[in-house]
């Protein structure tokens, strides 16, 4: 994980498991590039098995993490 992203994490986000932190990085990158991506179709790909589950559906996601998964769907 990039140190710039690590500095921007909220206190509670620093305690997330690794696969959730990887998802936070995806959301962070999409937010940075949003002004370039707005109005354009974007496909987000990953070779990270744990993230492939998150990016496909929110049905399996714990209730407190659904907002994070929805952010990925919204920005992707």
PDB file of N, CA and C in Angstrom:
ATOM      1  N   UNK A   1       0.840  -1.168   0.000  1.00  0.00           N
ATOM      2  CA  UNK A   1       0.000   0.000   0.000  1.00  0.00           C
ATOM      3  C   UNK A   1       0.889   1.236   0.000  1.00  0.00           C
ATOM      4  N   UNK A   2       0.517   2.180  -0.772  1.00  0.00           N
ATOM      5  CA  UNK A   2       1.214   3.440  -0.931  1.00  0.00           C
ATOM      6  C   UNK A   2       1.154   4.264   0.359  1.00  0.00           C
ATOM      7  N   UNK A   3       2.242   4.925   0.740  1.00  0.00           N
ATOM      8  CA  UNK A   3       2.275   5.697   1.988  1.00  0.00           C
ATOM      9  C   UNK A   3       1.338   6.899   1.934  1.00  0.00           C
ATOM     10  N   UNK A   4       1.138   7.480   0.755  1.00  0.00           N
ATOM     11  CA  UNK A   4       0.195   8.606   0.604  1.00  0.00           C
ATOM     12  C   UNK A   4      -1.215   8.160   0.971  1.00  0.00           C
ATOM     13  N   UNK A   5      -1.604   7.002   0.495  1.00  0.00           N
ATOM     14  CA  UNK A   5      -2.932   6.470   0.798  1.00  0.00           C
ATOM     15  C   UNK A   5      -3.026   6.125   2.274  1.00  0.00           C
ATOM     16  N   UNK A   6      -1.968   5.558   2.822  1.00  0.00           N
ATOM     17  CA  UNK A   6      -1.955   5.195   4.237  1.00  0.00           C
ATOM     18  C   UNK A   6      -2.148   6.418   5.125  1.00  0.00           C
ATOM     19  N   UNK A   7      -1.549   7.536   4.749  1.00  0.00           N
ATOM     20  CA  UNK A   7      -1.716   8.776   5.516  1.00  0.00           C
ATOM     21  C   UNK A   7      -3.156   9.275   5.488  1.00  0.00           C
ATOM     22  N   UNK A   8      -3.856   9.017   4.388  1.00  0.00           N
ATOM     23  CA  UNK A   8      -5.216   9.526   4.215  1.00  0.00           C
ATOM     24  C   UNK A   8      -6.275   8.638   4.867  1.00  0.00           C
ATOM     25  N   UNK A   9      -5.891   7.467   5.345  1.00  0.00           N
ATOM     26  CA  UNK A   9      -6.865   6.568   5.961  1.00  0.00           C
ATOM     27  C   UNK A   9      -7.402   7.150   7.258  1.00  0.00           C
ATOM     28  N   UNK A  10      -8.684   6.928   7.471  1.00  0.00           N
ATOM     29  CA  UNK A  10      -9.281   7.317   8.745  1.00  0.00           C
ATOM     30  C   UNK A  10      -8.812   6.324   9.805  1.00  0.00           C
ATOM     31  N   UNK A  11      -8.930   6.692  11.073  1.00  0.00           N
ATOM     32  CA  UNK A  11      -8.436   5.843  12.162  1.00  0.00           C
ATOM     33  C   UNK A  11      -9.052   4.451  12.101  1.00  0.00           C
ATOM     34  N   UNK A  12     -10.369   4.371  11.900  1.00  0.00           N
ATOM     35  CA  UNK A  12     -11.014   3.057  11.879  1.00  0.00           C
ATOM     36  C   UNK A  12     -10.630   2.253  10.641  1.00  0.00           C
ATOM     37  N   UNK A  13     -10.277   2.917   9.535  1.00  0.00           N
ATOM     38  CA  UNK A  13      -9.890   2.204   8.326  1.00  0.00           C
ATOM     39  C   UNK A  13      -8.527   1.530   8.473  1.00  0.00           C
ATOM     40  N   UNK A  14      -7.680   2.044   9.329  1.00  0.00           N
ATOM     41  CA  UNK A  14      -6.357   1.449   9.521  1.00  0.00           C
ATOM     42  C   UNK A  14      -6.443   0.058  10.145  1.00  0.00           C
ATOM     43  N   UNK A  15      -7.578  -0.269  10.743  1.00  0.00           N
ATOM     44  CA  UNK A  15      -7.770  -1.583  11.356  1.00  0.00           C
ATOM     45  C   UNK A  15      -8.460  -2.576  10.425  1.00  0.00           C
ATOM     46  N   UNK A  16      -8.758  -2.179   9.195  1.00  0.00           N
ATOM     47  CA  UNK A  16      -9.425  -3.063   8.244  1.00  0.00           C
ATOM     48  C   UNK A  16      -8.517  -4.250   7.901  1.00  0.00           C
ATOM     49  N   UNK A  17      -9.110  -5.398   7.580  1.00  0.00           N
ATOM     50  CA  UNK A  17      -8.306  -6.518   7.070  1.00  0.00           C
ATOM     51  C   UNK A  17      -7.688  -6.150   5.709  1.00  0.00           C
ATOM     52  N   UNK A  18      -6.702  -6.899   5.294  1.00  0.00           N
ATOM     53  CA  UNK A  18      -5.952  -6.590   4.076  1.00  0.00           C
ATOM     54  C   UNK A  18      -6.840  -6.468   2.852  1.00  0.00           C
ATOM     55  N   UNK A  19      -7.774  -7.396   2.657  1.00  0.00           N
ATOM     56  CA  UNK A  19      -8.599  -7.332   1.447  1.00  0.00           C
ATOM     57  C   UNK A  19      -9.484  -6.087   1.442  1.00  0.00           C
ATOM     58  N   UNK A  20      -9.907  -5.608   2.608  1.00  0.00           N
ATOM     59  CA  UNK A  20     -10.683  -4.369   2.670  1.00  0.00           C
ATOM     60  C   UNK A  20      -9.802  -3.157   2.369  1.00  0.00           C
ATOM     61  N   UNK A  21      -8.552  -3.189   2.829  1.00  0.00           N
ATOM     62  CA  UNK A  21      -7.628  -2.094   2.529  1.00  0.00           C
ATOM     63  C   UNK A  21      -7.345  -2.016   1.031  1.00  0.00           C
ATOM     64  N   UNK A  22      -7.259  -3.163   0.381  1.00  0.00           N
ATOM     65  CA  UNK A  22      -7.042  -3.178  -1.062  1.00  0.00           C
ATOM     66  C   UNK A  22      -8.232  -2.552  -1.779  1.00  0.00           C
ATOM     67  N   UNK A  23      -9.424  -2.785  -1.269  1.00  0.00           N
ATOM     68  CA  UNK A  23     -10.621  -2.177  -1.837  1.00  0.00           C
ATOM     69  C   UNK A  23     -10.628  -0.670  -1.593  1.00  0.00           C
ATOM     70  N   UNK A  24     -10.166  -0.241  -0.437  1.00  0.00           N
ATOM     71  CA  UNK A  24     -10.059   1.192  -0.132  1.00  0.00           C
ATOM     72  C   UNK A  24      -9.122   1.866  -1.133  1.00  0.00           C
ATOM     73  N   UNK A  25      -8.041   1.193  -1.505  1.00  0.00           N
ATOM     74  CA  UNK A  25      -7.094   1.745  -2.476  1.00  0.00           C
ATOM     75  C   UNK A  25      -7.773   1.936  -3.830  1.00  0.00           C
ATOM     76  N   UNK A  26      -8.589   0.979  -4.243  1.00  0.00           N
ATOM     77  CA  UNK A  26      -9.314   1.098  -5.513  1.00  0.00           C
ATOM     78  C   UNK A  26     -10.244   2.308  -5.471  1.00  0.00           C
ATOM     79  N   UNK A  27     -11.011   2.440  -4.394  1.00  0.00           N
ATOM     80  CA  UNK A  27     -11.934   3.572  -4.252  1.00  0.00           C
ATOM     81  C   UNK A  27     -11.161   4.889  -4.236  1.00  0.00           C
ATOM     82  N   UNK A  28     -10.051   4.921  -3.510  1.00  0.00           N
ATOM     83  CA  UNK A  28      -9.216   6.122  -3.425  1.00  0.00           C
ATOM     84  C   UNK A  28      -8.739   6.541  -4.820  1.00  0.00           C
ATOM     85  N   UNK A  29      -8.251   5.585  -5.595  1.00  0.00           N
ATOM     86  CA  UNK A  29      -7.759   5.890  -6.944  1.00  0.00           C
ATOM     87  C   UNK A  29      -8.889   6.385  -7.840  1.00  0.00           C
ATOM     88  N   UNK A  30     -10.057   5.767  -7.733  1.00  0.00           N
ATOM     89  CA  UNK A  30     -11.187   6.203  -8.554  1.00  0.00           C
ATOM     90  C   UNK A  30     -11.633   7.615  -8.185  1.00  0.00           C
ATOM     91  N   UNK A  31     -11.584   7.950  -6.907  1.00  0.00           N
ATOM     92  CA  UNK A  31     -11.954   9.308  -6.487  1.00  0.00           C
ATOM     93  C   UNK A  31     -10.969  10.339  -7.032  1.00  0.00           C
ATOM     94  N   UNK A  32      -9.677  10.005  -7.040  1.00  0.00           N
ATOM     95  CA  UNK A  32      -8.665  10.925  -7.562  1.00  0.00           C
ATOM     96  C   UNK A  32      -8.884  11.174  -9.056  1.00  0.00           C
ATOM     97  N   UNK A  33      -9.207  10.137  -9.794  1.00  0.00           N
ATOM     98  CA  UNK A  33      -9.350  10.228 -11.242  1.00  0.00           C
ATOM     99  C   UNK A  33     -10.778  10.521 -11.686  1.00  0.00           C
ATOM    100  N   UNK A  34     -11.685  10.765 -10.748  1.00  0.00           N
ATOM    101  CA  UNK A  34     -13.104  10.921 -11.064  1.00  0.00           C
ATOM    102  C   UNK A  34     -13.353  11.992 -12.118  1.00  0.00           C
ATOM    103  N   UNK A  35     -12.671  13.111 -12.042  1.00  0.00           N
ATOM    104  CA  UNK A  35     -12.916  14.186 -13.006  1.00  0.00           C
ATOM    105  C   UNK A  35     -12.521  13.786 -14.433  1.00  0.00           C
ATOM    106  N   UNK A  36     -11.613  12.836 -14.583  1.00  0.00           N
ATOM    107  CA  UNK A  36     -11.280  12.320 -15.909  1.00  0.00           C
ATOM    108  C   UNK A  36     -12.260  11.239 -16.344  1.00  0.00           C
ATOM    109  N   UNK A  37     -12.808  10.522 -15.385  1.00  0.00           N
ATOM    110  CA  UNK A  37     -13.648   9.370 -15.683  1.00  0.00           C
ATOM    111  C   UNK A  37     -15.128   9.706 -15.780  1.00  0.00           C
ATOM    112  N   UNK A  38     -15.527  10.874 -15.299  1.00  0.00           N
ATOM    113  CA  UNK A  38     -16.940  11.235 -15.261  1.00  0.00           C
ATOM    114  C   UNK A  38     -17.539  11.230 -16.665  1.00  0.00           C
ATOM    115  N   UNK A  39     -18.620  10.492 -16.831  1.00  0.00           N
ATOM    116  CA  UNK A  39     -19.304  10.410 -18.110  1.00  0.00           C
ATOM    117  C   UNK A  39     -18.718   9.389 -19.070  1.00  0.00           C
ATOM    118  N   UNK A  40     -17.692   8.682 -18.645  1.00  0.00           N
ATOM    119  CA  UNK A  40     -17.036   7.686 -19.487  1.00  0.00           C
ATOM    120  C   UNK A  40     -17.243   6.314 -18.859  1.00  0.00           C
ATOM    121  N   UNK A  41     -17.494   5.309 -19.685  1.00  0.00           N
ATOM    122  CA  UNK A  41     -17.631   3.945 -19.171  1.00  0.00           C
ATOM    123  C   UNK A  41     -16.257   3.447 -18.721  1.00  0.00           C
ATOM    124  N   UNK A  42     -16.200   2.919 -17.508  1.00  0.00           N
ATOM    125  CA  UNK A  42     -14.939   2.434 -16.949  1.00  0.00           C
ATOM    126  C   UNK A  42     -15.129   1.003 -16.468  1.00  0.00           C
ATOM    127  N   UNK A  43     -14.227   0.127 -16.838  1.00  0.00           N
ATOM    128  CA  UNK A  43     -14.197  -1.238 -16.321  1.00  0.00           C
ATOM    129  C   UNK A  43     -13.007  -1.349 -15.385  1.00  0.00           C
ATOM    130  N   UNK A  44     -13.253  -1.793 -14.162  1.00  0.00           N
ATOM    131  CA  UNK A  44     -12.171  -1.978 -13.196  1.00  0.00           C
ATOM    132  C   UNK A  44     -11.837  -3.463 -13.126  1.00  0.00           C
ATOM    133  N   UNK A  45     -10.595  -3.811 -13.389  1.00  0.00           N
ATOM    134  CA  UNK A  45     -10.140  -5.195 -13.362  1.00  0.00           C
ATOM    135  C   UNK A  45      -9.123  -5.378 -12.246  1.00  0.00           C
ATOM    136  N   UNK A  46      -9.109  -6.568 -11.678  1.00  0.00           N
ATOM    137  CA  UNK A  46      -8.119  -6.884 -10.660  1.00  0.00           C
ATOM    138  C   UNK A  46      -7.761  -8.362 -10.759  1.00  0.00           C
ATOM    139  N   UNK A  47      -6.548  -8.696 -10.362  1.00  0.00           N
ATOM    140  CA  UNK A  47      -6.153 -10.096 -10.278  1.00  0.00           C
ATOM    141  C   UNK A  47      -6.183 -10.556  -8.825  1.00  0.00           C
ATOM    142  N   UNK A  48      -6.688  -9.705  -7.948  1.00  0.00           N
ATOM    143  CA  UNK A  48      -6.787 -10.009  -6.527  1.00  0.00           C
ATOM    144  C   UNK A  48      -8.078 -10.783  -6.285  1.00  0.00           C
ATOM    145  N   UNK A  49      -7.983 -12.060  -5.932  1.00  0.00           N
ATOM    146  CA  UNK A  49      -9.164 -12.918  -5.770  1.00  0.00           C
ATOM    147  C   UNK A  49     -10.145 -12.361  -4.747  1.00  0.00           C
ATOM    148  N   UNK A  50      -9.640 -11.821  -3.649  1.00  0.00           N
ATOM    149  CA  UNK A  50     -10.539 -11.301  -2.621  1.00  0.00           C
ATOM    150  C   UNK A  50     -11.329 -10.100  -3.130  1.00  0.00           C
ATOM    151  N   UNK A  51     -10.741  -9.297  -4.005  1.00  0.00           N
ATOM    152  CA  UNK A  51     -11.448  -8.138  -4.543  1.00  0.00           C
ATOM    153  C   UNK A  51     -12.432  -8.520  -5.633  1.00  0.00           C
ATOM    154  N   UNK A  52     -12.181  -9.603  -6.338  1.00  0.00           N
ATOM    155  CA  UNK A  52     -13.095 -10.019  -7.391  1.00  0.00           C
ATOM    156  C   UNK A  52     -14.472 -10.326  -6.824  1.00  0.00           C
ATOM    157  N   UNK A  53     -14.524 -10.857  -5.615  1.00  0.00           N
ATOM    158  CA  UNK A  53     -15.815 -11.102  -4.975  1.00  0.00           C
ATOM    159  C   UNK A  53     -16.522  -9.791  -4.666  1.00  0.00           C
ATOM    160  N   UNK A  54     -15.786  -8.819  -4.120  1.00  0.00           N
ATOM    161  CA  UNK A  54     -16.375  -7.522  -3.782  1.00  0.00           C
ATOM    162  C   UNK A  54     -16.909  -6.810  -5.017  1.00  0.00           C
ATOM    163  N   UNK A  55     -16.189  -6.888  -6.097  1.00  0.00           N
ATOM    164  CA  UNK A  55     -16.547  -6.115  -7.274  1.00  0.00           C
ATOM    165  C   UNK A  55     -17.703  -6.732  -8.043  1.00  0.00           C
ATOM    166  N   UNK A  56     -18.051  -7.966  -7.746  1.00  0.00           N
ATOM    167  CA  UNK A  56     -19.138  -8.612  -8.461  1.00  0.00           C
ATOM    168  C   UNK A  56     -20.487  -8.461  -7.804  1.00  0.00           C
ATOM    169  N   UNK A  57     -20.540  -8.403  -6.488  1.00  0.00           N
ATOM    170  CA  UNK A  57     -21.819  -8.396  -5.794  1.00  0.00           C
ATOM    171  C   UNK A  57     -21.634  -7.858  -4.385  1.00  0.00           C
ATOM    172  N   UNK A  58     -22.722  -7.326  -3.811  1.00  0.00           N
ATOM    173  CA  UNK A  58     -22.669  -6.900  -2.412  1.00  0.00           C
ATOM    174  C   UNK A  58     -23.464  -7.846  -1.522  1.00  0.00           C
ATOM    175  N   UNK A  59     -24.011  -8.912  -2.084  1.00  0.00           N
ATOM    176  CA  UNK A  59     -24.859  -9.822  -1.313  1.00  0.00           C
ATOM    177  C   UNK A  59     -24.088 -10.511  -0.190  1.00  0.00           C
ATOM    178  N   UNK A  60     -22.831 -10.833  -0.411  1.00  0.00           N
ATOM    179  CA  UNK A  60     -22.035 -11.570   0.574  1.00  0.00           C
ATOM    180  C   UNK A  60     -21.307 -10.653   1.563  1.00  0.00           C
ATOM    181  N   UNK A  61     -21.366  -9.348   1.333  1.00  0.00           N
ATOM    182  CA  UNK A  61     -20.593  -8.392   2.125  1.00  0.00           C
ATOM    183  C   UNK A  61     -21.283  -8.123   3.457  1.00  0.00           C
ATOM    184  N   UNK A  62     -20.486  -8.073   4.512  1.00  0.00           N
ATOM    185  CA  UNK A  62     -21.028  -7.774   5.835  1.00  0.00           C
ATOM    186  C   UNK A  62     -21.708  -6.413   5.808  1.00  0.00           C
ATOM    187  N   UNK A  63     -22.731  -6.247   6.636  1.00  0.00           N
ATOM    188  CA  UNK A  63     -23.555  -5.038   6.620  1.00  0.00           C
ATOM    189  C   UNK A  63     -22.739  -3.754   6.781  1.00  0.00           C
ATOM    190  N   UNK A  64     -21.747  -3.758   7.667  1.00  0.00           N
ATOM    191  CA  UNK A  64     -20.973  -2.539   7.910  1.00  0.00           C
ATOM    192  C   UNK A  64     -20.001  -2.204   6.776  1.00  0.00           C
ATOM    193  N   UNK A  65     -19.789  -3.127   5.842  1.00  0.00           N
ATOM    194  CA  UNK A  65     -18.859  -2.881   4.739  1.00  0.00           C
ATOM    195  C   UNK A  65     -19.578  -2.682   3.411  1.00  0.00           C
ATOM    196  N   UNK A  66     -20.912  -2.732   3.415  1.00  0.00           N
ATOM    197  CA  UNK A  66     -21.651  -2.590   2.160  1.00  0.00           C
ATOM    198  C   UNK A  66     -21.467  -1.213   1.542  1.00  0.00           C
ATOM    199  N   UNK A  67     -21.322  -0.185   2.371  1.00  0.00           N
ATOM    200  CA  UNK A  67     -21.135   1.164   1.828  1.00  0.00           C
ATOM    201  C   UNK A  67     -19.846   1.241   1.016  1.00  0.00           C
ATOM    202  N   UNK A  68     -18.788   0.627   1.505  1.00  0.00           N
ATOM    203  CA  UNK A  68     -17.513   0.608   0.791  1.00  0.00           C
ATOM    204  C   UNK A  68     -17.659  -0.128  -0.541  1.00  0.00           C
ATOM    205  N   UNK A  69     -18.349  -1.262  -0.530  1.00  0.00           N
ATOM    206  CA  UNK A  69     -18.551  -2.020  -1.764  1.00  0.00           C
ATOM    207  C   UNK A  69     -19.411  -1.226  -2.746  1.00  0.00           C
ATOM    208  N   UNK A  70     -20.417  -0.511  -2.244  1.00  0.00           N
ATOM    209  CA  UNK A  70     -21.261   0.311  -3.111  1.00  0.00           C
ATOM    210  C   UNK A  70     -20.456   1.444  -3.746  1.00  0.00           C
ATOM    211  N   UNK A  71     -19.496   1.996  -3.008  1.00  0.00           N
ATOM    212  CA  UNK A  71     -18.643   3.050  -3.571  1.00  0.00           C
ATOM    213  C   UNK A  71     -17.880   2.539  -4.783  1.00  0.00           C
ATOM    214  N   UNK A  72     -17.370   1.332  -4.690  1.00  0.00           N
ATOM    215  CA  UNK A  72     -16.633   0.760  -5.819  1.00  0.00           C
ATOM    216  C   UNK A  72     -17.556   0.607  -7.013  1.00  0.00           C
ATOM    217  N   UNK A  73     -18.767   0.092  -6.789  1.00  0.00           N
ATOM    218  CA  UNK A  73     -19.714  -0.070  -7.891  1.00  0.00           C
ATOM    219  C   UNK A  73     -20.089   1.285  -8.486  1.00  0.00           C
ATOM    220  N   UNK A  74     -20.245   2.290  -7.639  1.00  0.00           N
ATOM    221  CA  UNK A  74     -20.662   3.610  -8.106  1.00  0.00           C
ATOM    222  C   UNK A  74     -19.556   4.273  -8.922  1.00  0.00           C
ATOM    223  N   UNK A  75     -18.316   4.172  -8.467  1.00  0.00           N
ATOM    224  CA  UNK A  75     -17.213   4.831  -9.155  1.00  0.00           C
ATOM    225  C   UNK A  75     -16.680   4.018 -10.327  1.00  0.00           C
ATOM    226  N   UNK A  76     -16.923   2.718 -10.332  1.00  0.00           N
ATOM    227  CA  UNK A  76     -16.396   1.866 -11.410  1.00  0.00           C
ATOM    228  C   UNK A  76     -17.287   1.901 -12.627  1.00  0.00           C
TER     229      UNK A  76
END
